[in-house]
Amino acid sequence: MSIIAAMLFAIYAVIGGVSTVFLTVSLPAIIIWKVYRKVKFNKALTA
């Protein structure tokens, strides 16, 4: 395997890992935030 292929593999692995961590953290946070607003301020969950 050439050095360029190894570098591309490493870059794609980092990009994939960052996006996976972002989605894993942000989706539950958004759901929790919406439920919090519903309970505290009686706002709609869809807004």
PDB file of N, CA and C in Angstrom:
ATOM      1  N   MET A   1       0.850  -1.166   0.000  1.00  0.00           N
ATOM      2  CA  MET A   1       0.000   0.000   0.000  1.00  0.00           C
ATOM      3  C   MET A   1       0.900   1.234   0.000  1.00  0.00           C
ATOM      4  N   SER A   2       0.606   2.163  -0.854  1.00  0.00           N
ATOM      5  CA  SER A   2       1.439   3.358  -0.942  1.00  0.00           C
ATOM      6  C   SER A   2       1.155   4.292   0.224  1.00  0.00           C
ATOM      7  N   ILE A   3       2.042   5.216   0.437  1.00  0.00           N
ATOM      8  CA  ILE A   3       1.920   6.169   1.543  1.00  0.00           C
ATOM      9  C   ILE A   3       0.726   7.098   1.339  1.00  0.00           C
ATOM     10  N   ILE A   4       0.424   7.435   0.095  1.00  0.00           N
ATOM     11  CA  ILE A   4      -0.718   8.317  -0.173  1.00  0.00           C
ATOM     12  C   ILE A   4      -2.033   7.609   0.168  1.00  0.00           C
ATOM     13  N   ALA A   5      -2.121   6.337  -0.177  1.00  0.00           N
ATOM     14  CA  ALA A   5      -3.322   5.567   0.159  1.00  0.00           C
ATOM     15  C   ALA A   5      -3.494   5.465   1.673  1.00  0.00           C
ATOM     16  N   ALA A   6      -2.408   5.278   2.390  1.00  0.00           N
ATOM     17  CA  ALA A   6      -2.474   5.200   3.846  1.00  0.00           C
ATOM     18  C   ALA A   6      -2.896   6.533   4.444  1.00  0.00           C
ATOM     19  N   MET A   7      -2.400   7.621   3.889  1.00  0.00           N
ATOM     20  CA  MET A   7      -2.788   8.952   4.386  1.00  0.00           C
ATOM     21  C   MET A   7      -4.264   9.224   4.113  1.00  0.00           C
ATOM     22  N   LEU A   8      -4.744   8.852   2.930  1.00  0.00           N
ATOM     23  CA  LEU A   8      -6.166   9.037   2.623  1.00  0.00           C
ATOM     24  C   LEU A   8      -7.034   8.200   3.551  1.00  0.00           C
ATOM     25  N   PHE A   9      -6.614   6.977   3.808  1.00  0.00           N
ATOM     26  CA  PHE A   9      -7.353   6.120   4.730  1.00  0.00           C
ATOM     27  C   PHE A   9      -7.435   6.753   6.115  1.00  0.00           C
ATOM     28  N   ALA A  10      -6.336   7.313   6.589  1.00  0.00           N
ATOM     29  CA  ALA A  10      -6.322   7.943   7.912  1.00  0.00           C
ATOM     30  C   ALA A  10      -7.227   9.172   7.936  1.00  0.00           C
ATOM     31  N   ILE A  11      -7.198   9.967   6.882  1.00  0.00           N
ATOM     32  CA  ILE A  11      -8.040  11.171   6.831  1.00  0.00           C
ATOM     33  C   ILE A  11      -9.511  10.786   6.825  1.00  0.00           C
ATOM     34  N   TYR A  12      -9.877   9.794   6.005  1.00  0.00           N
ATOM     35  CA  TYR A  12     -11.270   9.358   5.959  1.00  0.00           C
ATOM     36  C   TYR A  12     -11.713   8.750   7.285  1.00  0.00           C
ATOM     37  N   ALA A  13     -10.829   8.063   7.967  1.00  0.00           N
ATOM     38  CA  ALA A  13     -11.167   7.486   9.271  1.00  0.00           C
ATOM     39  C   ALA A  13     -11.439   8.585  10.291  1.00  0.00           C
ATOM     40  N   VAL A  14     -10.639   9.645  10.283  1.00  0.00           N
ATOM     41  CA  VAL A  14     -10.852  10.762  11.211  1.00  0.00           C
ATOM     42  C   VAL A  14     -12.157  11.475  10.897  1.00  0.00           C
ATOM     43  N   ILE A  15     -12.410  11.733   9.617  1.00  0.00           N
ATOM     44  CA  ILE A  15     -13.649  12.414   9.230  1.00  0.00           C
ATOM     45  C   ILE A  15     -14.870  11.575   9.637  1.00  0.00           C
ATOM     46  N   GLY A  16     -14.828  10.300   9.388  1.00  0.00           N
ATOM     47  CA  GLY A  16     -15.930   9.421   9.777  1.00  0.00           C
ATOM     48  C   GLY A  16     -16.115   9.358  11.277  1.00  0.00           C
ATOM     49  N   GLY A  17     -15.036   9.312  12.014  1.00  0.00           N
ATOM     50  CA  GLY A  17     -15.128   9.274  13.468  1.00  0.00           C
ATOM     51  C   GLY A  17     -15.703  10.548  14.050  1.00  0.00           C
ATOM     52  N   VAL A  18     -15.289  11.687  13.512  1.00  0.00           N
ATOM     53  CA  VAL A  18     -15.796  12.974  14.011  1.00  0.00           C
ATOM     54  C   VAL A  18     -17.290  13.103  13.742  1.00  0.00           C
ATOM     55  N   SER A  19     -17.718  12.747  12.536  1.00  0.00           N
ATOM     56  CA  SER A  19     -19.143  12.868  12.225  1.00  0.00           C
ATOM     57  C   SER A  19     -19.974  11.897  13.062  1.00  0.00           C
ATOM     58  N   THR A  20     -19.467  10.712  13.320  1.00  0.00           N
ATOM     59  CA  THR A  20     -20.189   9.750  14.152  1.00  0.00           C
ATOM     60  C   THR A  20     -20.321  10.252  15.584  1.00  0.00           C
ATOM     61  N   VAL A  21     -19.262  10.789  16.139  1.00  0.00           N
ATOM     62  CA  VAL A  21     -19.320  11.326  17.507  1.00  0.00           C
ATOM     63  C   VAL A  21     -20.281  12.507  17.565  1.00  0.00           C
ATOM     64  N   PHE A  22     -20.242  13.379  16.575  1.00  0.00           N
ATOM     65  CA  PHE A  22     -21.138  14.534  16.555  1.00  0.00           C
ATOM     66  C   PHE A  22     -22.601  14.091  16.545  1.00  0.00           C
ATOM     67  N   LEU A  23     -22.948  13.151  15.689  1.00  0.00           N
ATOM     68  CA  LEU A  23     -24.328  12.671  15.628  1.00  0.00           C
ATOM     69  C   LEU A  23     -24.734  11.953  16.912  1.00  0.00           C
ATOM     70  N   THR A  24     -23.829  11.177  17.469  1.00  0.00           N
ATOM     71  CA  THR A  24     -24.128  10.440  18.689  1.00  0.00           C
ATOM     72  C   THR A  24     -24.399  11.379  19.856  1.00  0.00           C
ATOM     73  N   VAL A  25     -23.714  12.509  19.900  1.00  0.00           N
ATOM     74  CA  VAL A  25     -23.891  13.463  20.997  1.00  0.00           C
ATOM     75  C   VAL A  25     -25.047  14.417  20.721  1.00  0.00           C
ATOM     76  N   SER A  26     -25.181  14.897  19.495  1.00  0.00           N
ATOM     77  CA  SER A  26     -26.133  15.969  19.229  1.00  0.00           C
ATOM     78  C   SER A  26     -27.588  15.494  19.193  1.00  0.00           C
ATOM     79  N   LEU A  27     -27.860  14.318  18.654  1.00  0.00           N
ATOM     80  CA  LEU A  27     -29.254  13.876  18.571  1.00  0.00           C
ATOM     81  C   LEU A  27     -29.902  13.684  19.945  1.00  0.00           C
ATOM     82  N   PRO A  28     -29.282  12.987  20.888  1.00  0.00           N
ATOM     83  CA  PRO A  28     -29.892  12.919  22.226  1.00  0.00           C
ATOM     84  C   PRO A  28     -29.968  14.287  22.904  1.00  0.00           C
ATOM     85  N   ALA A  29     -28.997  15.151  22.667  1.00  0.00           N
ATOM     86  CA  ALA A  29     -29.030  16.476  23.276  1.00  0.00           C
ATOM     87  C   ALA A  29     -30.213  17.282  22.766  1.00  0.00           C
ATOM     88  N   ILE A  30     -30.509  17.189  21.489  1.00  0.00           N
ATOM     89  CA  ILE A  30     -31.651  17.910  20.928  1.00  0.00           C
ATOM     90  C   ILE A  30     -32.957  17.373  21.505  1.00  0.00           C
ATOM     91  N   ILE A  31     -33.063  16.058  21.617  1.00  0.00           N
ATOM     92  CA  ILE A  31     -34.283  15.470  22.176  1.00  0.00           C
ATOM     93  C   ILE A  31     -34.467  15.889  23.626  1.00  0.00           C
ATOM     94  N   ILE A  32     -33.403  15.839  24.412  1.00  0.00           N
ATOM     95  CA  ILE A  32     -33.478  16.259  25.817  1.00  0.00           C
ATOM     96  C   ILE A  32     -33.839  17.737  25.908  1.00  0.00           C
ATOM     97  N   TRP A  33     -33.260  18.578  25.062  1.00  0.00           N
ATOM     98  CA  TRP A  33     -33.557  20.005  25.071  1.00  0.00           C
ATOM     99  C   TRP A  33     -35.032  20.256  24.745  1.00  0.00           C
ATOM    100  N   LYS A  34     -35.576  19.540  23.784  1.00  0.00           N
ATOM    101  CA  LYS A  34     -36.982  19.718  23.423  1.00  0.00           C
ATOM    102  C   LYS A  34     -37.907  19.282  24.557  1.00  0.00           C
ATOM    103  N   VAL A  35     -37.590  18.173  25.207  1.00  0.00           N
ATOM    104  CA  VAL A  35     -38.412  17.725  26.333  1.00  0.00           C
ATOM    105  C   VAL A  35     -38.314  18.725  27.479  1.00  0.00           C
ATOM    106  N   TYR A  36     -37.140  19.257  27.739  1.00  0.00           N
ATOM    107  CA  TYR A  36     -36.961  20.269  28.782  1.00  0.00           C
ATOM    108  C   TYR A  36     -37.823  21.498  28.498  1.00  0.00           C
ATOM    109  N   ARG A  37     -37.805  21.974  27.245  1.00  0.00           N
ATOM    110  CA  ARG A  37     -38.618  23.141  26.887  1.00  0.00           C
ATOM    111  C   ARG A  37     -40.101  22.835  27.009  1.00  0.00           C
ATOM    112  N   LYS A  38     -40.495  21.609  26.684  1.00  0.00           N
ATOM    113  CA  LYS A  38     -41.901  21.215  26.799  1.00  0.00           C
ATOM    114  C   LYS A  38     -42.337  21.247  28.256  1.00  0.00           C
ATOM    115  N   VAL A  39     -41.513  20.730  29.145  1.00  0.00           N
ATOM    116  CA  VAL A  39     -41.874  20.661  30.564  1.00  0.00           C
ATOM    117  C   VAL A  39     -41.827  22.044  31.205  1.00  0.00           C
ATOM    118  N   LYS A  40     -40.775  22.793  30.949  1.00  0.00           N
ATOM    119  CA  LYS A  40     -40.592  24.071  31.636  1.00  0.00           C
ATOM    120  C   LYS A  40     -41.449  25.196  31.042  1.00  0.00           C
ATOM    121  N   PHE A  41     -41.512  25.295  29.720  1.00  0.00           N
ATOM    122  CA  PHE A  41     -42.176  26.430  29.085  1.00  0.00           C
ATOM    123  C   PHE A  41     -43.467  26.044  28.353  1.00  0.00           C
ATOM    124  N   ASN A  42     -43.826  24.761  28.367  1.00  0.00           N
ATOM    125  CA  ASN A  42     -45.019  24.259  27.686  1.00  0.00           C
ATOM    126  C   ASN A  42     -45.013  24.594  26.192  1.00  0.00           C
ATOM    127  N   LYS A  43     -43.863  24.464  25.567  1.00  0.00           N
ATOM    128  CA  LYS A  43     -43.736  24.686  24.127  1.00  0.00           C
ATOM    129  C   LYS A  43     -43.946  23.372  23.397  1.00  0.00           C
ATOM    130  N   ALA A  44     -44.293  23.472  22.117  1.00  0.00           N
ATOM    131  CA  ALA A  44     -44.499  22.261  21.304  1.00  0.00           C
ATOM    132  C   ALA A  44     -43.166  21.560  21.048  1.00  0.00           C
ATOM    133  N   LEU A  45     -43.230  20.240  20.966  1.00  0.00           N
ATOM    134  CA  LEU A  45     -42.018  19.465  20.688  1.00  0.00           C
ATOM    135  C   LEU A  45     -41.562  19.626  19.237  1.00  0.00           C
ATOM    136  N   THR A  46     -42.456  20.000  18.349  1.00  0.00           N
ATOM    137  CA  THR A  46     -42.122  20.087  16.938  1.00  0.00           C
ATOM    138  C   THR A  46     -41.621  21.454  16.522  1.00  0.00           C
ATOM    139  N   ALA A  47     -41.682  22.432  17.377  1.00  0.00           N
ATOM    140  CA  ALA A  47     -41.246  23.785  16.997  1.00  0.00           C
ATOM    141  C   ALA A  47     -39.791  24.010  17.303  1.00  0.00           C
TER     142      ALA A  47
END
